[in-house]
Amino acid sequence: MPARRKTNNRPGARRPAGPPRPFANSGGFRRPPPKEVDPEGEIEVDGTIVQVLAGTMFKVELAINQQIVLAHISGKMRKRFIRLVVGDRVKMEMSPYDTTKARITYRM
């Protein structure tokens, strides 16, 4: 029977000398590369708040075609406690896939 290597499983114990572990500083996992941001991914539009709804949701009338869309506040505006009322002009980002919803990013 071959001799077993004695291991020491205490916290802080040194591991035996040998070849270096792959990705030793990252815990064995490589971080994925950052996602590329598509500059044409979102449509930026202006609008006016028409109605305030519950849960920081708003009905906003678009400036370009007077269409009413459902919009919510972006995270940064929510973090900074930016208050929005009826009549405020806002900048919004809309997805090209669903133009009935938007995210409010700036109050003018």
N, C-alpha and C. Protein backbone atom coordinates (compact mmCIF):
# COMPACT_ATOMS: atom_id res chain seq x y z
N MET A 1 0.85 -1.17 0.00
CA MET A 1 0.00 0.00 0.00
C MET A 1 0.90 1.23 0.00
N PRO A 2 0.62 2.20 -0.94
CA PRO A 2 1.48 3.38 -0.98
C PRO A 2 1.26 4.28 0.23
N ALA A 3 2.28 4.99 0.58
CA ALA A 3 2.19 5.90 1.74
C ALA A 3 1.33 7.10 1.36
N ARG A 4 0.44 7.47 2.27
CA ARG A 4 -0.43 8.62 2.04
C ARG A 4 0.27 9.90 2.48
N ARG A 5 0.06 10.95 1.73
CA ARG A 5 0.61 12.24 2.09
C ARG A 5 -0.22 12.80 3.24
N LYS A 6 0.45 13.27 4.23
CA LYS A 6 -0.23 13.82 5.38
C LYS A 6 -0.75 15.22 5.04
N THR A 7 -2.04 15.46 5.25
CA THR A 7 -2.61 16.78 4.97
C THR A 7 -2.97 17.45 6.27
N ASN A 8 -2.95 18.74 6.24
CA ASN A 8 -3.27 19.52 7.41
C ASN A 8 -4.44 20.42 7.03
N ASN A 9 -5.63 20.13 7.51
CA ASN A 9 -6.82 20.85 7.10
C ASN A 9 -7.20 21.98 8.04
N ARG A 10 -6.27 22.46 8.83
CA ARG A 10 -6.58 23.59 9.70
C ARG A 10 -6.68 24.86 8.89
N PRO A 11 -7.49 25.83 9.36
CA PRO A 11 -7.52 27.12 8.67
C PRO A 11 -6.16 27.80 8.77
N GLY A 12 -5.71 28.35 7.68
CA GLY A 12 -4.42 29.04 7.68
C GLY A 12 -3.23 28.13 7.47
N ALA A 13 -3.47 26.84 7.32
CA ALA A 13 -2.36 25.92 7.13
C ALA A 13 -1.82 26.06 5.71
N ARG A 14 -0.53 25.89 5.56
CA ARG A 14 0.08 26.00 4.23
C ARG A 14 -0.14 24.71 3.47
N ARG A 15 -0.33 24.85 2.17
CA ARG A 15 -0.47 23.65 1.38
C ARG A 15 0.90 23.17 0.95
N PRO A 16 1.03 21.88 0.67
CA PRO A 16 2.35 21.36 0.31
C PRO A 16 2.83 21.98 -1.00
N ALA A 17 4.15 22.06 -1.13
CA ALA A 17 4.74 22.64 -2.33
C ALA A 17 4.41 21.77 -3.53
N GLY A 18 4.23 22.40 -4.65
CA GLY A 18 3.91 21.65 -5.87
C GLY A 18 3.67 22.66 -6.98
N PRO A 19 3.12 22.20 -8.07
CA PRO A 19 2.86 23.14 -9.16
C PRO A 19 1.80 24.15 -8.75
N PRO A 20 1.88 25.37 -9.27
CA PRO A 20 0.90 26.39 -8.89
C PRO A 20 -0.49 26.02 -9.40
N ARG A 21 -1.48 26.41 -8.63
CA ARG A 21 -2.86 26.14 -9.02
C ARG A 21 -3.23 27.06 -10.18
N PRO A 22 -4.07 26.59 -11.11
CA PRO A 22 -4.49 27.48 -12.19
C PRO A 22 -5.44 28.54 -11.64
N PHE A 23 -5.29 29.77 -12.10
CA PHE A 23 -6.14 30.87 -11.69
C PHE A 23 -6.14 31.02 -10.17
N ALA A 24 -4.98 30.99 -9.55
CA ALA A 24 -4.88 30.96 -8.10
C ALA A 24 -5.53 32.18 -7.44
N ASN A 25 -5.42 33.35 -8.03
CA ASN A 25 -5.96 34.55 -7.41
C ASN A 25 -7.45 34.70 -7.61
N SER A 26 -8.02 34.00 -8.58
CA SER A 26 -9.44 34.19 -8.86
C SER A 26 -10.30 33.08 -8.29
N GLY A 27 -9.75 32.22 -7.47
CA GLY A 27 -10.55 31.17 -6.86
C GLY A 27 -10.87 30.05 -7.83
N GLY A 28 -10.18 29.97 -8.96
CA GLY A 28 -10.41 28.89 -9.91
C GLY A 28 -11.36 29.27 -11.03
N PHE A 29 -11.91 30.47 -11.02
CA PHE A 29 -12.84 30.88 -12.06
C PHE A 29 -12.33 32.13 -12.74
N ARG A 30 -12.50 32.19 -14.04
CA ARG A 30 -12.14 33.40 -14.77
C ARG A 30 -13.34 34.30 -14.85
N ARG A 31 -13.12 35.58 -14.68
CA ARG A 31 -14.19 36.56 -14.79
C ARG A 31 -14.53 36.75 -16.27
N PRO A 32 -15.82 36.72 -16.63
CA PRO A 32 -16.15 36.90 -18.04
C PRO A 32 -15.82 38.31 -18.50
N PRO A 33 -15.55 38.48 -19.78
CA PRO A 33 -15.24 39.83 -20.26
C PRO A 33 -16.46 40.72 -20.14
N PRO A 34 -16.27 42.03 -19.99
CA PRO A 34 -17.42 42.93 -19.85
C PRO A 34 -18.26 42.92 -21.11
N LYS A 35 -19.59 43.05 -20.93
CA LYS A 35 -20.49 43.05 -22.07
C LYS A 35 -20.33 44.36 -22.83
N GLU A 36 -20.36 44.26 -24.13
CA GLU A 36 -20.27 45.46 -24.95
C GLU A 36 -21.64 46.13 -24.98
N VAL A 37 -21.66 47.42 -24.83
CA VAL A 37 -22.91 48.16 -24.83
C VAL A 37 -23.24 48.53 -26.27
N ASP A 38 -24.44 48.19 -26.69
CA ASP A 38 -24.89 48.52 -28.04
C ASP A 38 -25.35 49.96 -28.06
N PRO A 39 -24.67 50.85 -28.79
CA PRO A 39 -25.05 52.27 -28.75
C PRO A 39 -26.43 52.52 -29.36
N GLU A 40 -26.92 51.63 -30.22
CA GLU A 40 -28.22 51.82 -30.84
C GLU A 40 -29.29 50.99 -30.15
N GLY A 41 -29.02 50.48 -28.95
CA GLY A 41 -29.95 49.58 -28.28
C GLY A 41 -31.18 50.26 -27.72
N GLU A 42 -31.10 51.50 -27.31
CA GLU A 42 -32.23 52.18 -26.69
C GLU A 42 -32.52 53.48 -27.43
N ILE A 43 -33.81 53.81 -27.47
CA ILE A 43 -34.26 55.03 -28.13
C ILE A 43 -34.48 56.08 -27.06
N GLU A 44 -33.90 57.26 -27.23
CA GLU A 44 -34.08 58.33 -26.25
C GLU A 44 -35.13 59.31 -26.76
N VAL A 45 -36.16 59.55 -25.94
CA VAL A 45 -37.26 60.44 -26.34
C VAL A 45 -37.59 61.39 -25.19
N ASP A 46 -38.28 62.48 -25.52
CA ASP A 46 -38.75 63.44 -24.53
C ASP A 46 -40.25 63.27 -24.37
N GLY A 47 -40.75 63.66 -23.20
CA GLY A 47 -42.18 63.57 -22.95
C GLY A 47 -42.59 64.43 -21.77
N THR A 48 -43.91 64.43 -21.51
CA THR A 48 -44.50 65.18 -20.41
C THR A 48 -45.34 64.24 -19.57
N ILE A 49 -45.18 64.30 -18.24
CA ILE A 49 -45.94 63.42 -17.35
C ILE A 49 -47.40 63.85 -17.36
N VAL A 50 -48.28 62.88 -17.61
CA VAL A 50 -49.72 63.14 -17.68
C VAL A 50 -50.42 62.67 -16.41
N GLN A 51 -49.98 61.52 -15.87
CA GLN A 51 -50.64 60.93 -14.70
C GLN A 51 -49.61 60.22 -13.84
N VAL A 52 -49.74 60.36 -12.52
CA VAL A 52 -48.87 59.67 -11.58
C VAL A 52 -49.62 58.44 -11.08
N LEU A 53 -48.98 57.27 -11.19
CA LEU A 53 -49.58 56.01 -10.75
C LEU A 53 -48.84 55.49 -9.52
N ALA A 54 -49.37 54.44 -8.93
CA ALA A 54 -48.75 53.86 -7.74
C ALA A 54 -47.45 53.15 -8.11
N GLY A 55 -46.55 53.05 -7.15
CA GLY A 55 -45.30 52.30 -7.33
C GLY A 55 -44.32 52.97 -8.28
N THR A 56 -44.23 54.29 -8.21
CA THR A 56 -43.32 55.09 -9.05
C THR A 56 -43.49 54.81 -10.54
N MET A 57 -44.74 54.62 -10.95
CA MET A 57 -45.06 54.46 -12.36
C MET A 57 -45.78 55.72 -12.83
N PHE A 58 -45.61 56.05 -14.09
CA PHE A 58 -46.17 57.27 -14.65
C PHE A 58 -46.71 57.01 -16.04
N LYS A 59 -47.74 57.76 -16.41
CA LYS A 59 -48.18 57.79 -17.79
C LYS A 59 -47.60 59.06 -18.39
N VAL A 60 -46.87 58.89 -19.49
CA VAL A 60 -46.14 59.99 -20.09
C VAL A 60 -46.56 60.14 -21.55
N GLU A 61 -46.79 61.39 -21.96
CA GLU A 61 -47.14 61.68 -23.34
C GLU A 61 -45.86 62.05 -24.09
N LEU A 62 -45.59 61.35 -25.18
CA LEU A 62 -44.38 61.61 -25.96
C LEU A 62 -44.49 62.94 -26.70
N ALA A 63 -43.39 63.64 -26.82
CA ALA A 63 -43.38 64.94 -27.49
C ALA A 63 -43.48 64.79 -29.00
N ILE A 64 -43.01 63.68 -29.56
CA ILE A 64 -42.94 63.55 -31.01
C ILE A 64 -44.28 63.17 -31.64
N ASN A 65 -45.09 62.31 -30.97
CA ASN A 65 -46.32 61.87 -31.62
C ASN A 65 -47.52 61.81 -30.66
N GLN A 66 -47.44 62.40 -29.50
CA GLN A 66 -48.52 62.47 -28.51
C GLN A 66 -49.05 61.09 -28.12
N GLN A 67 -48.23 60.06 -28.22
CA GLN A 67 -48.60 58.71 -27.78
C GLN A 67 -48.38 58.63 -26.27
N ILE A 68 -49.28 57.92 -25.54
CA ILE A 68 -49.15 57.75 -24.09
C ILE A 68 -48.42 56.43 -23.83
N VAL A 69 -47.35 56.49 -23.02
CA VAL A 69 -46.60 55.28 -22.66
C VAL A 69 -46.53 55.16 -21.15
N LEU A 70 -46.31 53.95 -20.68
CA LEU A 70 -46.15 53.67 -19.26
C LEU A 70 -44.66 53.73 -18.94
N ALA A 71 -44.27 54.53 -17.94
CA ALA A 71 -42.85 54.71 -17.64
C ALA A 71 -42.59 54.55 -16.15
N HIS A 72 -41.39 54.10 -15.82
CA HIS A 72 -40.97 54.01 -14.42
C HIS A 72 -39.66 54.78 -14.25
N ILE A 73 -39.32 55.08 -13.00
CA ILE A 73 -38.11 55.87 -12.70
C ILE A 73 -36.88 54.97 -12.77
N SER A 74 -35.79 55.50 -13.30
CA SER A 74 -34.54 54.74 -13.33
C SER A 74 -33.96 54.64 -11.93
N GLY A 75 -33.03 53.75 -11.75
CA GLY A 75 -32.44 53.50 -10.44
C GLY A 75 -31.74 54.70 -9.84
N LYS A 76 -31.02 55.47 -10.66
CA LYS A 76 -30.30 56.63 -10.13
C LYS A 76 -31.27 57.70 -9.65
N MET A 77 -32.38 57.90 -10.36
CA MET A 77 -33.36 58.90 -9.92
C MET A 77 -34.05 58.44 -8.64
N ARG A 78 -34.30 57.14 -8.53
CA ARG A 78 -34.91 56.60 -7.33
C ARG A 78 -33.96 56.75 -6.14
N LYS A 79 -32.67 56.50 -6.39
CA LYS A 79 -31.66 56.60 -5.33
C LYS A 79 -31.53 58.03 -4.81
N ARG A 80 -31.62 59.02 -5.72
CA ARG A 80 -31.47 60.42 -5.35
C ARG A 80 -32.78 61.10 -4.94
N PHE A 81 -33.87 60.32 -4.86
CA PHE A 81 -35.19 60.82 -4.44
C PHE A 81 -35.66 61.99 -5.30
N ILE A 82 -35.53 61.85 -6.61
CA ILE A 82 -36.03 62.88 -7.52
C ILE A 82 -37.54 62.75 -7.59
N ARG A 83 -38.25 63.82 -7.26
CA ARG A 83 -39.71 63.81 -7.25
C ARG A 83 -40.24 64.26 -8.61
N LEU A 84 -41.24 63.57 -9.11
CA LEU A 84 -41.87 63.91 -10.38
C LEU A 84 -43.35 64.18 -10.16
N VAL A 85 -43.86 65.23 -10.79
CA VAL A 85 -45.28 65.58 -10.67
C VAL A 85 -45.86 65.77 -12.07
N VAL A 86 -47.17 65.86 -12.14
CA VAL A 86 -47.85 66.05 -13.42
C VAL A 86 -47.37 67.36 -14.05
N GLY A 87 -47.04 67.30 -15.34
CA GLY A 87 -46.58 68.49 -16.06
C GLY A 87 -45.08 68.56 -16.23
N ASP A 88 -44.30 67.75 -15.48
CA ASP A 88 -42.84 67.76 -15.62
C ASP A 88 -42.45 67.22 -16.99
N ARG A 89 -41.45 67.86 -17.61
CA ARG A 89 -40.87 67.35 -18.85
C ARG A 89 -39.74 66.41 -18.47
N VAL A 90 -39.67 65.26 -19.12
CA VAL A 90 -38.68 64.23 -18.78
C VAL A 90 -38.03 63.68 -20.04
N LYS A 91 -36.83 63.11 -19.86
CA LYS A 91 -36.14 62.34 -20.90
C LYS A 91 -36.33 60.87 -20.56
N MET A 92 -36.59 60.07 -21.57
CA MET A 92 -36.84 58.64 -21.34
C MET A 92 -36.04 57.80 -22.31
N GLU A 93 -35.81 56.55 -21.92
CA GLU A 93 -35.21 55.55 -22.80
C GLU A 93 -36.25 54.48 -23.06
N MET A 94 -36.40 54.12 -24.34
CA MET A 94 -37.36 53.10 -24.73
C MET A 94 -36.63 51.98 -25.45
N SER A 95 -37.09 50.76 -25.25
CA SER A 95 -36.55 49.62 -25.98
C SER A 95 -37.16 49.61 -27.38
N PRO A 96 -36.38 49.27 -28.38
CA PRO A 96 -36.96 49.19 -29.73
C PRO A 96 -37.93 48.02 -29.87
N TYR A 97 -37.92 47.09 -28.92
CA TYR A 97 -38.78 45.91 -29.00
C TYR A 97 -40.16 46.15 -28.41
N ASP A 98 -40.27 47.05 -27.43
CA ASP A 98 -41.57 47.35 -26.81
C ASP A 98 -41.66 48.85 -26.60
N THR A 99 -42.37 49.53 -27.51
CA THR A 99 -42.44 50.98 -27.45
C THR A 99 -43.61 51.48 -26.62
N THR A 100 -44.25 50.60 -25.84
CA THR A 100 -45.33 51.04 -24.95
C THR A 100 -44.82 51.29 -23.54
N LYS A 101 -43.56 50.93 -23.27
CA LYS A 101 -42.98 51.11 -21.93
C LYS A 101 -41.67 51.88 -22.06
N ALA A 102 -41.32 52.60 -20.99
CA ALA A 102 -40.09 53.40 -21.02
C ALA A 102 -39.52 53.53 -19.61
N ARG A 103 -38.28 54.02 -19.55
CA ARG A 103 -37.61 54.28 -18.27
C ARG A 103 -37.24 55.75 -18.24
N ILE A 104 -37.69 56.47 -17.21
CA ILE A 104 -37.40 57.89 -17.08
C ILE A 104 -35.98 58.04 -16.53
N THR A 105 -35.14 58.79 -17.26
CA THR A 105 -33.74 58.92 -16.87
C THR A 105 -33.37 60.34 -16.43
N TYR A 106 -34.20 61.35 -16.77
CA TYR A 106 -33.81 62.73 -16.47
C TYR A 106 -35.05 63.60 -16.39
N ARG A 107 -35.11 64.49 -15.38
CA ARG A 107 -36.19 65.47 -15.29
C ARG A 107 -35.64 66.81 -15.73
N MET A 108 -36.29 67.47 -16.69
CA MET A 108 -35.81 68.76 -17.22
C MET A 108 -36.39 69.90 -16.42
